[in-house]
Protein backbone atom coordinates (compact mmCIF):
# COMPACT_ATOMS: atom_id res chain seq x y z
CA MET A 1 -7.65 -9.34 18.90
CA LYS A 2 -9.23 -6.09 20.06
CA GLU A 3 -11.87 -4.45 17.95
CA THR A 4 -11.22 -1.18 16.18
CA ALA A 5 -12.78 2.04 17.39
CA VAL A 6 -14.22 4.57 14.94
CA ILE A 7 -12.62 8.01 15.27
CA GLU A 8 -12.99 11.40 13.61
CA GLY A 9 -10.65 12.98 11.10
CA GLY A 10 -10.52 10.94 7.90
CA VAL A 11 -7.07 11.05 6.31
CA THR A 12 -5.74 13.32 9.07
CA ALA A 13 -6.85 11.05 11.93
CA PRO A 14 -3.47 9.23 12.00
CA GLY A 15 -0.55 11.15 13.47
CA GLY A 16 1.80 13.09 11.23
CA PHE A 17 -0.65 13.93 8.44
CA ARG A 18 -2.09 17.27 7.36
CA ALA A 19 -4.56 18.05 4.60
CA ALA A 20 -6.42 20.89 2.93
CA GLY A 21 -9.21 21.40 0.44
CA VAL A 22 -9.68 24.64 -1.49
CA HIS A 23 -11.42 26.19 -4.50
CA CYS A 24 -8.99 27.02 -7.29
CA GLY A 25 -11.37 27.66 -10.18
CA ILE A 26 -11.62 24.36 -12.07
CA LYS A 27 -15.26 24.36 -10.95
CA ALA A 28 -17.40 27.45 -10.81
CA GLU A 29 -17.82 27.54 -7.05
CA LYS A 30 -17.21 24.25 -5.22
CA PRO A 31 -13.87 23.12 -3.72
CA ASP A 32 -11.81 21.39 -6.38
CA LEU A 33 -8.23 20.95 -5.12
CA ALA A 34 -7.07 18.74 -2.24
CA LEU A 35 -3.66 18.16 -0.71
CA ILE A 36 -2.57 15.41 1.69
CA VAL A 37 0.88 15.74 3.27
CA SER A 38 2.89 13.45 5.53
CA ASP A 39 5.22 15.38 7.82
CA ARG A 40 7.82 12.64 7.41
CA PRO A 41 8.84 10.28 4.59
CA ALA A 42 6.25 7.55 4.22
CA ALA A 43 5.94 4.19 2.52
CA ILE A 44 3.41 4.19 -0.32
CA ALA A 45 1.38 1.52 -2.10
CA GLY A 46 -1.24 1.77 -4.78
CA VAL A 47 -3.58 -0.01 -7.14
CA PHE A 48 -5.03 1.44 -10.32
CA THR A 49 -7.59 1.04 -13.05
CA THR A 50 -7.16 -1.80 -15.52
CA ASN A 51 -8.84 0.28 -18.21
CA ARG A 52 -6.35 0.40 -21.11
CA VAL A 53 -7.16 4.08 -21.55
CA GLN A 54 -5.47 5.67 -18.55
CA ALA A 55 -5.19 9.27 -17.43
CA ALA A 56 -1.81 10.98 -17.23
CA PRO A 57 -1.75 11.04 -13.40
CA VAL A 58 -2.42 7.29 -13.26
CA ARG A 59 0.58 6.59 -15.45
CA ILE A 60 2.75 8.97 -13.42
CA CYS A 61 1.70 7.43 -10.10
CA ARG A 62 2.41 3.92 -11.40
CA GLU A 63 5.94 4.99 -12.26
CA LYS A 64 6.53 6.78 -8.97
CA LEU A 65 5.56 3.71 -6.93
CA ALA A 66 8.93 2.20 -7.79
CA GLY A 67 10.47 4.73 -5.39
CA ARG A 68 8.28 3.36 -2.56
CA THR A 69 8.34 6.71 -0.74
CA ALA A 70 5.82 9.56 -0.59
CA ARG A 71 5.40 12.91 1.12
CA ALA A 72 2.31 14.31 -0.59
CA ILE A 73 -0.70 13.58 -2.78
CA VAL A 74 -2.26 16.39 -4.80
CA ILE A 75 -5.76 15.82 -6.19
CA ASN A 76 -7.91 17.95 -8.45
CA SER A 77 -11.57 17.41 -9.29
CA GLY A 78 -13.48 18.72 -12.30
CA SER A 79 -11.01 17.51 -14.92
CA ALA A 80 -9.74 13.94 -15.35
CA ASN A 81 -6.64 14.92 -17.36
CA ALA A 82 -7.35 11.81 -19.44
CA CYS A 83 -6.95 11.61 -23.23
CA THR A 84 -4.95 14.84 -23.17
CA GLY A 85 -1.78 13.44 -24.74
CA ALA A 86 1.75 14.61 -24.01
CA ALA A 87 0.45 18.02 -22.98
CA GLY A 88 -1.68 16.42 -20.27
CA ARG A 89 1.32 14.60 -18.84
CA ALA A 90 3.35 17.81 -18.90
CA ASP A 91 0.54 19.57 -17.04
CA ALA A 92 0.53 16.91 -14.31
CA GLU A 93 4.31 17.03 -14.00
CA GLU A 94 4.23 20.80 -13.65
CA ILE A 95 1.68 20.54 -10.84
CA VAL A 96 3.93 17.97 -9.13
CA ARG A 97 6.93 20.28 -9.51
CA VAL A 98 5.14 23.26 -8.01
CA THR A 99 3.70 21.20 -5.16
CA ALA A 100 7.16 19.85 -4.33
CA GLU A 101 8.66 23.33 -4.43
CA LEU A 102 6.02 24.76 -2.10
CA LEU A 103 6.47 21.89 0.36
CA GLY A 104 10.27 21.80 0.15
CA VAL A 105 10.42 18.16 -0.98
CA GLU A 106 11.57 16.31 -4.09
CA PRO A 107 9.09 15.88 -6.99
CA ALA A 108 9.66 12.11 -6.82
CA VAL A 109 7.66 11.92 -3.57
CA VAL A 110 4.64 13.91 -4.78
CA PHE A 111 1.81 11.88 -6.35
CA PRO A 112 -0.82 13.53 -8.60
CA CYS A 113 -4.43 12.40 -9.04
CA SER A 114 -7.31 13.83 -11.06
CA THR A 115 -11.02 13.18 -11.45
CA GLY A 116 -13.70 14.72 -13.60
CA THR A 117 -14.51 15.06 -17.27
CA ILE A 118 -12.34 13.16 -19.77
CA GLY A 119 -10.65 15.10 -22.56
CA ARG A 120 -10.08 18.42 -20.81
CA ARG A 121 -6.68 20.00 -20.19
CA LEU A 122 -6.03 21.08 -16.64
CA PRO A 123 -6.09 24.85 -15.96
CA VAL A 124 -2.53 24.72 -14.66
CA ASP A 125 -2.24 28.39 -13.71
CA LYS A 126 -5.38 28.19 -11.59
CA ILE A 127 -4.17 25.02 -9.91
CA LYS A 128 -0.76 26.54 -9.17
CA ALA A 129 -2.43 29.50 -7.49
CA GLY A 130 -4.68 27.10 -5.60
CA LEU A 131 -1.70 25.11 -4.41
CA GLU A 132 -0.28 28.15 -2.64
CA LEU A 133 -3.60 28.56 -0.87
CA ALA A 134 -3.80 24.84 -0.03
CA VAL A 135 -0.28 24.72 1.43
CA GLY A 136 -1.17 27.70 3.62
CA GLU A 137 -4.27 25.91 4.87
CA LEU A 138 -2.69 22.54 5.62
CA SER A 139 -3.93 21.33 8.97
CA ALA A 140 -4.25 18.21 11.09
CA ALA A 141 -7.97 19.04 11.05
CA GLY A 142 -8.09 19.36 7.25
CA GLY A 143 -9.34 15.89 6.38
CA ALA A 144 -12.97 16.93 5.96
CA ALA A 145 -12.08 19.83 3.66
CA ALA A 146 -9.94 17.54 1.50
CA ALA A 147 -12.76 14.98 1.26
CA ARG A 148 -15.14 17.68 -0.02
CA ALA A 149 -12.64 18.96 -2.57
CA ILE A 150 -12.36 15.64 -4.43
CA MET A 151 -16.12 15.27 -5.01
CA THR A 152 -17.63 15.36 -8.51
CA THR A 153 -21.20 14.03 -8.77
CA ASP A 154 -20.96 12.86 -5.15
CA THR A 155 -23.66 14.34 -2.94
CA VAL A 156 -21.74 13.82 0.30
CA PRO A 157 -18.05 13.61 1.26
CA LYS A 158 -16.82 10.14 2.19
CA GLN A 159 -14.32 9.68 5.00
CA TYR A 160 -13.73 7.13 7.73
CA ALA A 161 -11.07 6.41 10.34
CA VAL A 162 -10.35 3.82 13.02
CA ARG A 163 -8.00 3.37 15.95
CA PHE A 164 -6.68 -0.02 17.09
CA GLU A 165 -4.04 -1.42 19.39
CA VAL A 166 -0.96 -3.51 18.67
CA GLU A 167 1.20 -4.61 21.61
CA GLY A 168 0.11 -1.65 23.69
CA ARG A 169 0.58 0.91 20.90
CA GLN A 170 -2.33 2.97 19.62
CA LEU A 171 -2.36 3.00 15.80
CA SER A 172 -4.76 4.68 13.38
CA ILE A 173 -5.90 4.31 9.78
CA GLY A 174 -7.89 7.02 8.01
CA GLY A 175 -9.34 7.31 4.55
CA MET A 176 -11.36 9.34 2.12
CA ALA A 177 -12.90 8.44 -1.21
CA LYS A 178 -14.93 9.91 -4.02
CA GLY A 179 -17.19 8.15 -6.42
CA ALA A 180 -20.86 7.99 -7.36
CA GLY A 181 -20.86 6.98 -11.03
CA MET A 182 -18.60 5.08 -13.43
CA ILE A 183 -18.19 2.49 -10.71
CA GLU A 184 -17.29 -1.11 -11.26
CA PRO A 185 -13.64 -1.35 -10.51
CA ASN A 186 -11.02 -3.94 -11.15
CA MET A 187 -8.02 -3.10 -8.96
CA ALA A 188 -9.48 0.17 -7.60
CA THR A 189 -12.44 2.48 -7.76
CA MET A 190 -12.51 6.11 -8.72
CA LEU A 191 -10.27 7.80 -6.12
CA ALA A 192 -9.52 6.64 -2.58
CA PHE A 193 -6.73 7.59 -0.20
CA LEU A 194 -5.71 5.71 2.93
CA THR A 195 -3.29 6.99 5.58
CA THR A 196 -1.80 5.29 8.61
CA ASP A 197 0.69 6.16 11.33
CA ALA A 198 1.62 2.48 11.63
CA PRO A 199 5.23 1.60 10.74
CA VAL A 200 4.83 -0.51 7.61
CA GLU A 201 7.30 -1.03 4.76
CA ALA A 202 6.17 -0.48 1.18
CA GLN A 203 6.27 -4.13 0.12
CA GLY A 204 4.07 -5.29 2.97
CA LEU A 205 1.80 -2.30 2.55
CA GLN A 206 1.28 -3.14 -1.13
CA ALA A 207 0.12 -6.65 -0.25
CA ALA A 208 -2.17 -5.36 2.50
CA VAL A 209 -3.70 -2.69 0.24
CA LYS A 210 -4.35 -5.19 -2.56
CA ARG A 211 -6.13 -7.44 -0.08
CA ALA A 212 -8.13 -4.54 1.36
CA VAL A 213 -9.17 -3.32 -2.10
CA ASP A 214 -10.28 -6.82 -3.08
CA ALA A 215 -12.42 -6.99 0.07
CA GLY A 216 -13.91 -3.53 -0.34
CA PHE A 217 -13.58 -1.41 -3.46
CA ASN A 218 -13.48 -4.39 -5.81
CA ARG A 219 -16.77 -5.67 -4.41
CA ILE A 220 -18.95 -2.76 -5.53
CA SER A 221 -20.76 -1.65 -8.66
CA VAL A 222 -23.00 1.31 -9.38
CA ASP A 223 -23.27 1.15 -13.16
CA GLY A 224 -20.75 -1.39 -14.47
CA ASP A 225 -18.41 1.26 -15.89
CA ARG A 226 -14.69 1.46 -15.14
CA SER A 227 -12.97 4.82 -15.04
CA THR A 228 -9.77 5.94 -16.75
CA ASN A 229 -8.63 7.39 -13.41
CA ASP A 230 -9.37 4.72 -10.78
CA THR A 231 -6.71 4.99 -8.08
CA VAL A 232 -6.24 3.85 -4.50
CA LEU A 233 -3.13 5.16 -2.75
CA ALA A 234 -2.09 4.27 0.79
CA ILE A 235 0.70 5.92 2.75
CA ALA A 236 2.21 4.73 6.03
CA ASN A 237 4.45 7.19 7.87
CA GLY A 238 5.29 5.27 11.06
CA ALA A 239 4.57 8.30 13.26
CA SER A 240 3.26 6.00 16.01
CA GLY A 241 6.76 4.57 16.43
CA GLY A 242 7.63 1.06 17.49
CA GLU A 243 8.54 -2.10 15.66
CA VAL A 244 7.82 -2.34 11.94
CA LEU A 245 4.68 -4.33 11.14
CA SER A 246 5.09 -6.96 8.43
CA PRO A 247 3.65 -10.36 7.50
CA GLY A 248 4.49 -12.74 10.35
CA HIS A 249 4.33 -10.03 13.04
CA THR A 250 1.67 -10.72 15.67
CA GLY A 251 0.11 -7.34 14.93
CA TRP A 252 -0.07 -7.82 11.18
CA PRO A 253 -3.54 -9.45 11.10
CA VAL A 254 -4.88 -6.62 13.29
CA PHE A 255 -3.48 -4.00 10.91
CA CYS A 256 -4.79 -5.78 7.82
CA SER A 257 -8.23 -6.21 9.36
CA ALA A 258 -8.42 -2.49 10.18
CA LEU A 259 -7.30 -1.56 6.67
CA GLU A 260 -9.98 -3.81 5.18
CA ASP A 261 -12.56 -2.24 7.48
CA VAL A 262 -11.75 1.26 6.23
CA SER A 263 -11.76 0.11 2.59
CA ARG A 264 -15.08 -1.67 2.98
CA ARG A 265 -16.77 1.23 4.79
CA LEU A 266 -15.69 3.75 2.16
CA ALA A 267 -16.78 1.38 -0.61
CA PHE A 268 -20.24 1.08 0.95
CA GLU A 269 -20.52 4.85 1.09
CA ILE A 270 -19.80 5.03 -2.65
CA VAL A 271 -22.65 2.64 -3.37
CA ARG A 272 -25.06 4.46 -1.04
CA ASP A 273 -24.21 7.69 -2.85
CA GLY A 274 -24.48 6.10 -6.31
CA GLU A 275 -25.83 8.49 -8.91
CA GLY A 276 -29.60 8.53 -8.48
CA ALA A 277 -29.52 5.54 -6.12
CA THR A 278 -32.37 4.91 -3.70
CA ARG A 279 -31.54 1.37 -2.55
CA PHE A 280 -28.42 -0.43 -1.31
CA VAL A 281 -28.44 -4.04 -2.50
CA THR A 282 -26.19 -6.92 -1.48
CA VAL A 283 -25.99 -9.61 -4.17
CA SER A 284 -24.53 -12.86 -2.87
CA VAL A 285 -23.96 -16.08 -4.78
CA ALA A 286 -23.20 -19.41 -3.12
CA GLY A 287 -22.95 -22.97 -4.37
CA ALA A 288 -21.22 -22.04 -7.62
CA ALA A 289 -18.83 -24.40 -9.37
CA SER A 290 -15.99 -21.96 -8.54
CA HIS A 291 -15.42 -18.60 -6.89
CA ALA A 292 -14.89 -17.13 -10.36
CA ASP A 293 -18.29 -18.43 -11.47
CA ALA A 294 -19.90 -17.00 -8.35
CA ASP A 295 -18.34 -13.63 -9.12
CA ARG A 296 -19.58 -13.74 -12.73
CA ALA A 297 -23.12 -14.48 -11.62
CA ALA A 298 -23.15 -11.83 -8.88
CA ARG A 299 -21.81 -9.12 -11.19
CA ALA A 300 -24.27 -10.01 -13.95
CA VAL A 301 -27.16 -9.47 -11.55
CA ALA A 302 -25.64 -6.35 -9.98
CA ASN A 303 -25.08 -4.71 -13.38
CA SER A 304 -28.28 -5.67 -15.18
CA LEU A 305 -30.26 -2.56 -16.03
CA LEU A 306 -33.44 -4.64 -16.14
CA VAL A 307 -32.77 -5.88 -12.62
CA LYS A 308 -31.68 -2.49 -11.27
CA THR A 309 -34.68 -0.64 -12.66
CA SER A 310 -37.05 -3.25 -11.22
CA TRP A 311 -35.48 -2.68 -7.81
CA TYR A 312 -36.07 1.05 -8.19
CA GLY A 313 -39.71 0.40 -9.02
CA GLY A 314 -40.13 -1.95 -6.07
CA ASP A 315 -40.94 -4.79 -8.48
CA PRO A 316 -39.85 -8.26 -7.24
CA ASN A 317 -39.16 -9.47 -10.76
CA TRP A 318 -36.98 -12.49 -9.97
CA GLY A 319 -37.20 -13.58 -13.62
CA ARG A 320 -34.73 -10.84 -14.49
CA VAL A 321 -32.38 -12.09 -11.78
CA ILE A 322 -32.33 -15.72 -12.93
CA ASP A 323 -32.01 -14.51 -16.51
CA ALA A 324 -28.86 -12.56 -15.61
CA VAL A 325 -27.43 -15.58 -13.80
CA GLY A 326 -28.09 -17.66 -16.89
CA TYR A 327 -26.15 -15.41 -19.27
CA SER A 328 -23.37 -14.58 -16.80
CA GLY A 329 -21.01 -17.23 -18.12
CA ALA A 330 -21.16 -19.24 -14.92
CA ASP A 331 -22.09 -22.91 -14.97
CA VAL A 332 -25.80 -23.09 -14.19
CA ASP A 333 -28.30 -25.92 -13.84
CA GLU A 334 -31.64 -24.15 -13.95
CA SER A 335 -33.36 -26.92 -11.95
CA ARG A 336 -31.07 -26.30 -8.95
CA VAL A 337 -31.21 -22.52 -8.71
CA GLU A 338 -32.58 -20.90 -5.55
CA ILE A 339 -33.15 -17.17 -5.12
CA ALA A 340 -34.24 -15.38 -1.95
CA TYR A 341 -34.75 -11.75 -0.96
CA ASP A 342 -33.65 -11.15 2.66
CA GLY A 343 -34.39 -14.79 3.37
CA VAL A 344 -37.80 -14.81 1.68
CA CYS A 345 -37.58 -17.57 -0.92
CA ALA A 346 -38.62 -16.47 -4.42
CA VAL A 347 -37.22 -19.29 -6.55
CA LEU A 348 -36.86 -22.95 -5.60
CA GLY A 349 -35.52 -25.50 -8.07
CA GLY A 350 -35.57 -22.94 -10.87
CA THR A 351 -39.28 -22.13 -10.52
CA ALA A 352 -41.45 -19.88 -8.38
CA ALA A 353 -41.33 -20.89 -4.72
CA PRO A 354 -44.70 -22.24 -3.56
CA GLY A 355 -46.72 -20.20 -1.09
CA VAL A 356 -44.76 -16.96 -1.64
CA THR A 357 -46.69 -14.05 -3.11
CA GLN A 358 -45.52 -11.04 -5.10
CA GLU A 359 -46.61 -8.89 -2.17
CA ASP A 360 -44.38 -10.91 0.18
CA LEU A 361 -41.40 -10.21 -2.08
CA GLY A 362 -42.45 -6.64 -2.79
CA ARG A 363 -42.27 -5.73 0.89
CA VAL A 364 -38.59 -6.70 0.82
CA ILE A 365 -37.75 -4.95 -2.45
CA ARG A 366 -39.22 -1.69 -1.20
CA ARG A 367 -36.75 -1.55 1.69
CA ARG A 368 -33.89 0.94 1.45
CA ALA A 369 -31.44 -1.93 1.87
CA PHE A 370 -31.93 -5.61 1.13
CA ALA A 371 -30.05 -8.72 -0.02
CA VAL A 372 -30.51 -10.92 -3.07
CA GLU A 373 -29.29 -14.39 -2.13
CA ILE A 374 -28.61 -16.86 -4.95
CA ASN A 375 -27.57 -20.50 -4.54
CA LEU A 376 -26.57 -22.49 -7.61
CA HIS A 377 -26.07 -25.79 -5.74
CA LEU A 378 -23.14 -26.84 -7.95
CA GLY A 379 -20.11 -26.46 -5.68
CA ASN A 380 -18.44 -24.33 -3.03
CA GLY A 381 -17.90 -21.10 -4.99
CA GLU A 382 -19.00 -17.90 -3.25
CA ALA A 383 -18.97 -14.18 -4.07
CA VAL A 384 -20.67 -10.97 -3.03
CA VAL A 385 -21.16 -7.65 -4.82
CA TYR A 386 -22.63 -4.50 -3.28
CA THR A 387 -24.69 -2.41 -5.66
CA CYS A 388 -27.69 -0.12 -6.00
CA ASP A 389 -30.79 0.44 -8.09
CA CYS A 390 -31.02 2.65 -11.18
CA SER A 391 -33.44 5.57 -11.34
CA GLU A 392 -34.40 8.36 -13.73
CA GLU A 393 -32.01 10.57 -11.78
CA TYR A 394 -29.05 8.52 -13.02
CA VAL A 395 -30.07 9.32 -16.59
CA ARG A 396 -30.52 13.01 -15.77
CA ILE A 397 -27.10 13.29 -14.11
CA ASN A 398 -25.36 11.58 -16.99
CA SER A 399 -27.23 13.49 -19.69
CA ALA A 400 -25.88 16.82 -18.47
CA TYR A 401 -22.63 18.37 -19.56
CA MET A 402 -20.34 18.20 -16.55
CA THR A 403 -18.91 21.48 -15.25
């Protein structure tokens, strides 16, 4: 299996895709409307938030997936179009209708997504005017502009693309994502969009996307919150030509590996850009009674405000870590627990490791990236969660009224 090569272009790196990002007036000045278009009918797959309060575009996209075909995704930032009732759904449907009309396609193949403040109606007239501008600016070089237009509290755009080979054919997968706060997904995270010129049918693509999301987006947490709008959509237009890839095809593992790579890289960028974050932390749990227990313990540590604030302060307070493991719901025998920071043992047999000083641990905690390694010594369960610290800046960002 040949390794993938990183390429430029984000969602427009694969053949047959164009994108644009424009300012339509939802925000005061920054770009706030993105459009991704496949020049040919494409298979589509998606996963969504499991929050029982769901934005209108999430519900619409869920329904449209039954058609298994897409031509365009339209995304606005600045307003989530969540908790806006029947009027909010009508607004989203009108934006879909206008997008379809401008592109000369059926509304059934246009998928809407929104991100921003909950409870606000969309300024439909502004978005409709922006759509005319966006359609005029569609370009195979438009991936970067689209990635900027979906940002909210993000400080940097997030895009990534790879090229790989299957039976002599050059295939590509590109992606973009937004997210910095309200991040601990279950089935998706904030907004992410994946494109590929590989020929893949919708059913196989759905399975591959679910696997990729589980390996990437579902492994991260910034603050333990789950959005009303979490969406990952993937579209495969087959522009590269050749035999359809599906489970059982020799090229299927290569495709799935590349898709997971893009998902994981974008997920890492979300954590690095977490609201107010200064440290990237990998929390791994091994030796749990089950994989589910390992996941519970890892997430408890990753989401503990006491733990996250100690990381920000450079304080190697392992007591907060073992405390979180203890209340996580996982089976725990305190006398067997081991905890290490980048291989430096802090806890052995449930007590402070001999010969290791606070300064030894502090040097690790003050790194911009480090790992917390926990072993429960009860079984073969394993899990990993990628997270960040929590600073005063997180409070400042989330105390302000979003515009």
